[in-house]
Amino acid sequence: MTEEKETPERRRERMRQEELKKNPSGSIYRSGLLDLVGSLGWKGTGILILLIILGFIIYTIFFQ
């Protein structure tokens, strides 16, 4: 696959992998939420945010 036809997600992942190869200890703080959101895409991230908000609303209604 050439770089011209590479999707933005694949380009970000390739650049992240190259960064890990160059400096494996420097990217410790970039994992977690960033990896989760990057792998889900914008629709999955929106659904995750909605679920968190709904969970908070349900928690406040039933436990207060």
Protein backbone atom coordinates (compact mmCIF):
# COMPACT_ATOMS: atom_id res chain seq x y z
CA MET A 1 0.00 0.00 0.00
CA THR A 2 1.45 3.34 -0.93
CA GLU A 3 1.40 6.33 1.39
CA GLU A 4 -0.96 8.21 -0.93
CA LYS A 5 -3.75 5.65 -0.55
CA GLU A 6 -3.13 5.03 3.13
CA THR A 7 -6.07 5.85 5.39
CA PRO A 8 -5.53 8.34 8.23
CA GLU A 9 -6.10 5.61 10.84
CA ARG A 10 -3.45 3.39 9.31
CA ARG A 11 -1.05 6.32 8.98
CA ARG A 12 -1.49 7.20 12.67
CA GLU A 13 -0.97 3.60 13.70
CA ARG A 14 2.14 3.27 11.50
CA MET A 15 3.58 6.48 12.93
CA ARG A 16 2.84 5.30 16.47
CA GLN A 17 4.55 1.98 15.83
CA GLU A 18 7.59 3.78 14.39
CA GLU A 19 7.72 5.98 17.49
CA LEU A 20 7.58 2.92 19.72
CA LYS A 21 10.49 1.36 17.84
CA LYS A 22 12.60 4.53 18.17
CA ASN A 23 11.81 5.25 21.82
CA PRO A 24 9.95 2.45 23.61
CA SER A 25 10.07 4.07 27.06
CA GLY A 26 9.00 7.52 25.88
CA SER A 27 5.51 6.48 24.92
CA ILE A 28 4.44 4.98 28.24
CA TYR A 29 2.10 7.88 28.99
CA ARG A 30 0.44 7.84 25.56
CA SER A 31 -1.40 4.58 26.03
CA GLY A 32 -4.76 3.88 27.55
CA LEU A 33 -7.53 6.28 26.59
CA LEU A 34 -5.71 7.49 23.48
CA ASP A 35 -5.38 3.95 22.15
CA LEU A 36 -9.00 3.20 23.00
CA VAL A 37 -10.37 6.26 21.25
CA GLY A 38 -8.06 5.79 18.27
CA SER A 39 -9.23 2.25 17.72
CA LEU A 40 -12.94 3.01 18.11
CA GLY A 41 -13.26 5.85 15.63
CA TRP A 42 -15.59 8.80 16.04
CA LYS A 43 -18.82 6.80 16.15
CA GLY A 44 -17.55 4.40 18.76
CA THR A 45 -16.17 7.27 20.82
CA GLY A 46 -19.54 9.02 20.70
CA ILE A 47 -21.33 5.87 21.82
CA LEU A 48 -18.82 5.42 24.65
CA ILE A 49 -19.40 9.01 25.84
CA LEU A 50 -23.18 8.53 25.69
CA LEU A 51 -22.92 5.32 27.72
CA ILE A 52 -20.83 7.06 30.36
CA ILE A 53 -23.33 9.92 30.60
CA LEU A 54 -26.31 7.54 30.78
CA GLY A 55 -24.55 5.47 33.44
CA PHE A 56 -23.93 8.60 35.50
CA ILE A 57 -27.59 9.67 35.19
CA ILE A 58 -28.85 6.22 36.20
CA TYR A 59 -26.43 6.16 39.13
CA THR A 60 -27.59 9.56 40.41
CA ILE A 61 -31.27 8.61 40.10
CA PHE A 62 -31.07 5.27 41.92
CA PHE A 63 -28.35 5.91 44.51
CA GLN A 64 -29.26 9.32 45.86
